[in-house]
Amino acid sequence: GHTVDAVESGEAAIAALMNDDYQAVITDYSLPKADGLQVLLQAKKRSPDTHVIVITGDATPELEKLARDMGAFEFLEKPFTLSVLAAAVDRALATPERRKGPRGCCGQCVWQQPCARWVAQQPARV
């Protein structure tokens, strides 16, 4: 199986990134104490192979371009369905070496949790 870590702020996400290696990271753009682009930057700095999925209820073409230019693997605009999020995570973990790694998430491990359903369906910031 895979381990999923949940944090409550961008600052906490960056701290987690400094302590562990992650195959995939899902981050909201609008986070307290550090935005999702700061999380993306630190994830890619720590491990360029980490796939980062940025989600937001505040999407603009400029923000999407900036996130992709910074290395975002996927950029998802809320609201979206769990199947869209699950497919993005599956793509992020699609290579055999990623499926065998220590951290990340795939399959049913996170999609059955009420919190994941709520995050996927929120049109505004989480």
N, C-alpha and C. Protein backbone atom coordinates (compact mmCIF):
# COMPACT_ATOMS: atom_id res chain seq x y z
N GLY A 1 0.80 -1.18 0.00
CA GLY A 1 0.00 0.00 0.00
C GLY A 1 0.85 1.25 0.00
N HIS A 2 0.19 2.36 0.04
CA HIS A 2 0.84 3.66 0.03
C HIS A 2 0.46 4.45 1.27
N THR A 3 1.31 5.34 1.65
CA THR A 3 1.07 6.21 2.78
C THR A 3 0.60 7.56 2.27
N VAL A 4 -0.43 8.11 2.90
CA VAL A 4 -0.94 9.43 2.55
C VAL A 4 -0.76 10.32 3.77
N ASP A 5 -0.13 11.46 3.57
CA ASP A 5 0.03 12.44 4.64
C ASP A 5 -0.86 13.64 4.33
N ALA A 6 -1.62 14.10 5.31
CA ALA A 6 -2.46 15.29 5.14
C ALA A 6 -1.94 16.37 6.08
N VAL A 7 -1.88 17.59 5.58
CA VAL A 7 -1.42 18.72 6.39
C VAL A 7 -2.44 19.86 6.27
N GLU A 8 -2.33 20.84 7.15
CA GLU A 8 -3.34 21.90 7.21
C GLU A 8 -2.90 23.23 6.65
N SER A 9 -1.66 23.35 6.20
CA SER A 9 -1.19 24.63 5.67
C SER A 9 -0.06 24.40 4.68
N GLY A 10 0.22 25.41 3.89
CA GLY A 10 1.35 25.34 2.99
C GLY A 10 2.66 25.19 3.74
N GLU A 11 2.76 25.89 4.85
CA GLU A 11 3.96 25.80 5.68
C GLU A 11 4.18 24.37 6.17
N ALA A 12 3.11 23.72 6.62
CA ALA A 12 3.21 22.33 7.09
C ALA A 12 3.54 21.39 5.94
N ALA A 13 3.01 21.68 4.75
CA ALA A 13 3.34 20.85 3.58
C ALA A 13 4.82 20.95 3.25
N ILE A 14 5.36 22.16 3.28
CA ILE A 14 6.78 22.35 2.99
C ILE A 14 7.63 21.64 4.03
N ALA A 15 7.24 21.70 5.29
CA ALA A 15 7.97 20.99 6.34
C ALA A 15 7.94 19.49 6.09
N ALA A 16 6.78 18.96 5.70
CA ALA A 16 6.67 17.52 5.41
C ALA A 16 7.57 17.15 4.24
N LEU A 17 7.62 18.00 3.23
CA LEU A 17 8.47 17.74 2.05
C LEU A 17 9.94 17.68 2.42
N MET A 18 10.34 18.42 3.42
CA MET A 18 11.74 18.44 3.84
C MET A 18 12.12 17.18 4.62
N ASN A 19 11.10 16.49 5.16
CA ASN A 19 11.36 15.33 6.01
C ASN A 19 11.17 13.99 5.33
N ASP A 20 10.48 13.95 4.19
CA ASP A 20 10.18 12.70 3.52
C ASP A 20 10.27 12.88 2.01
N ASP A 21 10.43 11.76 1.31
CA ASP A 21 10.38 11.77 -0.14
C ASP A 21 8.97 11.36 -0.57
N TYR A 22 8.41 12.11 -1.50
CA TYR A 22 7.06 11.85 -1.98
C TYR A 22 7.08 11.60 -3.47
N GLN A 23 6.30 10.64 -3.90
CA GLN A 23 6.14 10.36 -5.33
C GLN A 23 5.19 11.36 -5.95
N ALA A 24 4.16 11.73 -5.22
CA ALA A 24 3.14 12.65 -5.71
C ALA A 24 2.68 13.55 -4.58
N VAL A 25 2.35 14.77 -4.94
CA VAL A 25 1.84 15.75 -3.98
C VAL A 25 0.59 16.38 -4.59
N ILE A 26 -0.46 16.48 -3.80
CA ILE A 26 -1.65 17.21 -4.20
C ILE A 26 -1.70 18.45 -3.32
N THR A 27 -1.74 19.62 -3.93
CA THR A 27 -1.78 20.86 -3.16
C THR A 27 -2.83 21.81 -3.71
N ASP A 28 -3.54 22.44 -2.81
CA ASP A 28 -4.44 23.51 -3.21
C ASP A 28 -3.59 24.75 -3.45
N TYR A 29 -4.00 25.58 -4.39
CA TYR A 29 -3.28 26.83 -4.62
C TYR A 29 -3.45 27.76 -3.42
N SER A 30 -4.66 27.85 -2.89
CA SER A 30 -4.96 28.77 -1.79
C SER A 30 -4.81 28.06 -0.46
N LEU A 31 -3.64 28.23 0.14
CA LEU A 31 -3.34 27.62 1.43
C LEU A 31 -2.92 28.70 2.42
N PRO A 32 -3.19 28.50 3.71
CA PRO A 32 -2.67 29.45 4.69
C PRO A 32 -1.16 29.28 4.86
N LYS A 33 -0.48 30.36 5.10
CA LYS A 33 0.94 30.43 5.46
C LYS A 33 1.92 30.16 4.32
N ALA A 34 1.49 29.63 3.22
CA ALA A 34 2.32 29.45 2.01
C ALA A 34 1.38 28.92 0.94
N ASP A 35 1.42 29.50 -0.25
CA ASP A 35 0.47 29.04 -1.27
C ASP A 35 0.96 27.77 -1.96
N GLY A 36 0.08 27.21 -2.78
CA GLY A 36 0.38 25.96 -3.46
C GLY A 36 1.56 26.04 -4.40
N LEU A 37 1.84 27.22 -4.95
CA LEU A 37 3.01 27.36 -5.82
C LEU A 37 4.30 27.28 -5.02
N GLN A 38 4.27 27.76 -3.78
CA GLN A 38 5.44 27.61 -2.92
C GLN A 38 5.65 26.14 -2.57
N VAL A 39 4.56 25.42 -2.35
CA VAL A 39 4.65 23.98 -2.10
C VAL A 39 5.22 23.29 -3.33
N LEU A 40 4.70 23.63 -4.50
CA LEU A 40 5.20 23.07 -5.76
C LEU A 40 6.69 23.33 -5.92
N LEU A 41 7.12 24.55 -5.69
CA LEU A 41 8.53 24.91 -5.83
C LEU A 41 9.40 24.07 -4.90
N GLN A 42 8.99 23.93 -3.66
CA GLN A 42 9.79 23.17 -2.70
C GLN A 42 9.79 21.67 -3.02
N ALA A 43 8.65 21.16 -3.49
CA ALA A 43 8.58 19.74 -3.87
C ALA A 43 9.54 19.45 -5.01
N LYS A 44 9.55 20.32 -6.02
CA LYS A 44 10.42 20.11 -7.19
C LYS A 44 11.89 20.34 -6.83
N LYS A 45 12.12 21.27 -5.91
CA LYS A 45 13.49 21.54 -5.47
C LYS A 45 14.05 20.33 -4.72
N ARG A 46 13.25 19.76 -3.86
CA ARG A 46 13.68 18.59 -3.06
C ARG A 46 13.85 17.36 -3.95
N SER A 47 12.89 17.15 -4.86
CA SER A 47 12.92 15.97 -5.72
C SER A 47 12.27 16.32 -7.06
N PRO A 48 13.07 16.61 -8.07
CA PRO A 48 12.52 17.00 -9.38
C PRO A 48 11.57 15.96 -9.98
N ASP A 49 11.67 14.71 -9.55
CA ASP A 49 10.80 13.65 -10.09
C ASP A 49 9.44 13.58 -9.43
N THR A 50 9.24 14.33 -8.34
CA THR A 50 7.94 14.32 -7.67
C THR A 50 6.90 14.98 -8.57
N HIS A 51 5.79 14.29 -8.77
CA HIS A 51 4.69 14.85 -9.57
C HIS A 51 3.76 15.63 -8.64
N VAL A 52 3.54 16.90 -8.97
CA VAL A 52 2.70 17.76 -8.14
C VAL A 52 1.42 18.09 -8.89
N ILE A 53 0.31 17.84 -8.23
CA ILE A 53 -1.01 18.16 -8.77
C ILE A 53 -1.51 19.39 -8.02
N VAL A 54 -1.74 20.47 -8.74
CA VAL A 54 -2.24 21.71 -8.15
C VAL A 54 -3.74 21.79 -8.40
N ILE A 55 -4.50 22.03 -7.32
CA ILE A 55 -5.94 22.20 -7.45
C ILE A 55 -6.30 23.61 -6.99
N THR A 56 -7.37 24.16 -7.57
CA THR A 56 -7.78 25.50 -7.17
C THR A 56 -9.22 25.79 -7.57
N GLY A 57 -9.84 26.65 -6.81
CA GLY A 57 -11.13 27.20 -7.16
C GLY A 57 -10.97 28.58 -7.76
N ASP A 58 -9.74 29.04 -7.89
CA ASP A 58 -9.42 30.38 -8.40
C ASP A 58 -8.63 30.33 -9.69
N ALA A 59 -8.95 29.41 -10.57
CA ALA A 59 -8.14 29.19 -11.78
C ALA A 59 -8.24 30.36 -12.75
N THR A 60 -7.10 30.69 -13.32
CA THR A 60 -7.01 31.61 -14.45
C THR A 60 -6.03 30.98 -15.43
N PRO A 61 -6.10 31.35 -16.69
CA PRO A 61 -5.12 30.81 -17.64
C PRO A 61 -3.68 31.16 -17.23
N GLU A 62 -3.50 32.35 -16.67
CA GLU A 62 -2.16 32.77 -16.25
C GLU A 62 -1.65 31.91 -15.09
N LEU A 63 -2.52 31.62 -14.13
CA LEU A 63 -2.12 30.78 -13.00
C LEU A 63 -1.79 29.37 -13.47
N GLU A 64 -2.61 28.83 -14.36
CA GLU A 64 -2.32 27.49 -14.88
C GLU A 64 -0.98 27.45 -15.61
N LYS A 65 -0.72 28.45 -16.44
CA LYS A 65 0.55 28.51 -17.17
C LYS A 65 1.72 28.61 -16.20
N LEU A 66 1.59 29.46 -15.19
CA LEU A 66 2.66 29.61 -14.20
C LEU A 66 2.92 28.29 -13.48
N ALA A 67 1.85 27.63 -13.03
CA ALA A 67 2.01 26.35 -12.33
C ALA A 67 2.67 25.31 -13.23
N ARG A 68 2.24 25.23 -14.47
CA ARG A 68 2.84 24.26 -15.39
C ARG A 68 4.29 24.61 -15.70
N ASP A 69 4.57 25.90 -15.87
CA ASP A 69 5.96 26.33 -16.10
C ASP A 69 6.86 26.00 -14.91
N MET A 70 6.28 25.98 -13.71
CA MET A 70 7.04 25.64 -12.51
C MET A 70 7.17 24.14 -12.32
N GLY A 71 6.49 23.37 -13.16
CA GLY A 71 6.63 21.92 -13.10
C GLY A 71 5.42 21.15 -12.62
N ALA A 72 4.26 21.80 -12.52
CA ALA A 72 3.06 21.08 -12.10
C ALA A 72 2.76 19.96 -13.09
N PHE A 73 2.48 18.79 -12.57
CA PHE A 73 2.13 17.63 -13.39
C PHE A 73 0.70 17.77 -13.91
N GLU A 74 -0.19 18.22 -13.04
CA GLU A 74 -1.60 18.45 -13.40
C GLU A 74 -2.06 19.74 -12.74
N PHE A 75 -3.06 20.36 -13.33
CA PHE A 75 -3.69 21.56 -12.79
C PHE A 75 -5.18 21.34 -12.90
N LEU A 76 -5.86 21.22 -11.75
CA LEU A 76 -7.28 20.90 -11.74
C LEU A 76 -8.07 22.05 -11.13
N GLU A 77 -9.15 22.43 -11.83
CA GLU A 77 -10.02 23.49 -11.32
C GLU A 77 -11.21 22.88 -10.60
N LYS A 78 -11.46 23.35 -9.37
CA LYS A 78 -12.63 22.91 -8.62
C LYS A 78 -13.86 23.64 -9.14
N PRO A 79 -15.01 22.99 -9.08
CA PRO A 79 -15.21 21.63 -8.59
C PRO A 79 -14.83 20.60 -9.66
N PHE A 80 -14.40 19.45 -9.20
CA PHE A 80 -14.12 18.32 -10.08
C PHE A 80 -14.60 17.07 -9.38
N THR A 81 -14.73 16.00 -10.13
CA THR A 81 -15.21 14.75 -9.54
C THR A 81 -14.03 13.97 -8.96
N LEU A 82 -14.34 13.07 -8.08
CA LEU A 82 -13.30 12.20 -7.53
C LEU A 82 -12.62 11.39 -8.61
N SER A 83 -13.38 11.01 -9.64
CA SER A 83 -12.76 10.22 -10.71
C SER A 83 -11.71 11.05 -11.45
N VAL A 84 -11.91 12.35 -11.58
CA VAL A 84 -10.91 13.22 -12.22
C VAL A 84 -9.65 13.28 -11.35
N LEU A 85 -9.83 13.46 -10.05
CA LEU A 85 -8.68 13.49 -9.14
C LEU A 85 -7.97 12.14 -9.11
N ALA A 86 -8.74 11.07 -9.02
CA ALA A 86 -8.15 9.73 -8.99
C ALA A 86 -7.36 9.45 -10.26
N ALA A 87 -7.89 9.86 -11.41
CA ALA A 87 -7.18 9.66 -12.68
C ALA A 87 -5.88 10.45 -12.71
N ALA A 88 -5.89 11.67 -12.18
CA ALA A 88 -4.67 12.48 -12.13
C ALA A 88 -3.62 11.82 -11.25
N VAL A 89 -4.04 11.30 -10.10
CA VAL A 89 -3.10 10.62 -9.21
C VAL A 89 -2.59 9.34 -9.86
N ASP A 90 -3.47 8.60 -10.50
CA ASP A 90 -3.04 7.38 -11.19
C ASP A 90 -2.00 7.69 -12.26
N ARG A 91 -2.21 8.77 -13.01
CA ARG A 91 -1.21 9.17 -14.02
C ARG A 91 0.11 9.56 -13.36
N ALA A 92 0.01 10.25 -12.24
CA ALA A 92 1.23 10.68 -11.54
C ALA A 92 2.04 9.49 -11.03
N LEU A 93 1.35 8.42 -10.72
CA LEU A 93 2.02 7.23 -10.17
C LEU A 93 2.09 6.10 -11.18
N ALA A 94 1.97 6.42 -12.46
CA ALA A 94 1.83 5.40 -13.50
C ALA A 94 3.08 4.58 -13.77
N THR A 95 4.25 5.11 -13.53
CA THR A 95 5.46 4.37 -13.85
C THR A 95 5.72 3.32 -12.77
N PRO A 96 6.28 2.17 -13.15
CA PRO A 96 6.51 1.09 -12.18
C PRO A 96 7.34 1.53 -10.98
N GLU A 97 8.37 2.35 -11.19
CA GLU A 97 9.21 2.75 -10.06
C GLU A 97 8.43 3.63 -9.08
N ARG A 98 7.46 4.38 -9.55
CA ARG A 98 6.65 5.20 -8.64
C ARG A 98 5.70 4.33 -7.82
N ARG A 99 5.16 3.29 -8.42
CA ARG A 99 4.23 2.42 -7.69
C ARG A 99 4.92 1.69 -6.56
N LYS A 100 6.22 1.49 -6.66
CA LYS A 100 6.94 0.74 -5.64
C LYS A 100 7.54 1.64 -4.56
N GLY A 101 7.49 2.95 -4.74
CA GLY A 101 8.14 3.87 -3.82
C GLY A 101 7.45 3.94 -2.47
N PRO A 102 8.08 4.64 -1.52
CA PRO A 102 7.61 4.64 -0.15
C PRO A 102 6.39 5.50 0.13
N ARG A 103 6.20 6.59 -0.62
CA ARG A 103 5.11 7.49 -0.26
C ARG A 103 4.36 7.94 -1.50
N GLY A 104 3.11 8.27 -1.30
CA GLY A 104 2.25 8.70 -2.39
C GLY A 104 0.88 8.13 -2.13
N CYS A 105 0.04 8.09 -3.12
CA CYS A 105 -1.24 7.43 -2.93
C CYS A 105 -1.79 7.03 -4.28
N CYS A 106 -2.56 6.01 -4.27
CA CYS A 106 -3.18 5.57 -5.52
C CYS A 106 -4.39 4.73 -5.18
N GLY A 107 -5.11 4.33 -6.21
CA GLY A 107 -6.23 3.42 -6.03
C GLY A 107 -7.26 3.94 -5.06
N GLN A 108 -7.68 3.10 -4.14
CA GLN A 108 -8.77 3.42 -3.25
C GLN A 108 -8.33 4.00 -1.91
N CYS A 109 -7.02 4.16 -1.69
CA CYS A 109 -6.56 4.53 -0.35
C CYS A 109 -7.10 5.87 0.12
N VAL A 110 -7.24 6.84 -0.77
CA VAL A 110 -7.68 8.15 -0.33
C VAL A 110 -9.07 8.51 -0.84
N TRP A 111 -9.50 7.92 -1.94
CA TRP A 111 -10.73 8.36 -2.58
C TRP A 111 -11.98 8.00 -1.80
N GLN A 112 -11.90 7.07 -0.89
CA GLN A 112 -13.06 6.69 -0.10
C GLN A 112 -13.26 7.59 1.11
N GLN A 113 -12.29 8.43 1.41
CA GLN A 113 -12.38 9.27 2.59
C GLN A 113 -13.30 10.46 2.33
N PRO A 114 -14.19 10.78 3.28
CA PRO A 114 -15.10 11.91 3.09
C PRO A 114 -14.36 13.22 2.81
N CYS A 115 -13.22 13.43 3.43
CA CYS A 115 -12.45 14.65 3.22
C CYS A 115 -12.04 14.79 1.76
N ALA A 116 -11.62 13.72 1.13
CA ALA A 116 -11.21 13.77 -0.28
C ALA A 116 -12.39 14.13 -1.16
N ARG A 117 -13.55 13.58 -0.86
CA ARG A 117 -14.75 13.92 -1.64
C ARG A 117 -15.08 15.40 -1.47
N TRP A 118 -14.97 15.91 -0.26
CA TRP A 118 -15.28 17.31 0.01
C TRP A 118 -14.32 18.23 -0.73
N VAL A 119 -13.03 17.94 -0.69
CA VAL A 119 -12.03 18.76 -1.37
C VAL A 119 -12.31 18.81 -2.87
N ALA A 120 -12.63 17.68 -3.46
CA ALA A 120 -12.87 17.62 -4.90
C ALA A 120 -14.08 18.44 -5.31
N GLN A 121 -15.05 18.59 -4.44
CA GLN A 121 -16.30 19.23 -4.82
C GLN A 121 -16.38 20.70 -4.48
N GLN A 122 -15.42 21.24 -3.76
CA GLN A 122 -15.48 22.64 -3.35
C GLN A 122 -15.15 23.58 -4.49
N PRO A 123 -16.05 24.48 -4.86
CA PRO A 123 -15.76 25.42 -5.93
C PRO A 123 -14.84 26.54 -5.47
N ALA A 124 -14.78 26.80 -4.20
CA ALA A 124 -13.95 27.88 -3.67
C ALA A 124 -12.72 27.30 -2.99
N ARG A 125 -12.03 28.15 -2.28
CA ARG A 125 -10.80 27.72 -1.61
C ARG A 125 -11.07 26.71 -0.51
N VAL A 126 -10.11 25.84 -0.33
CA VAL A 126 -10.16 24.88 0.78
C VAL A 126 -9.03 25.23 1.70
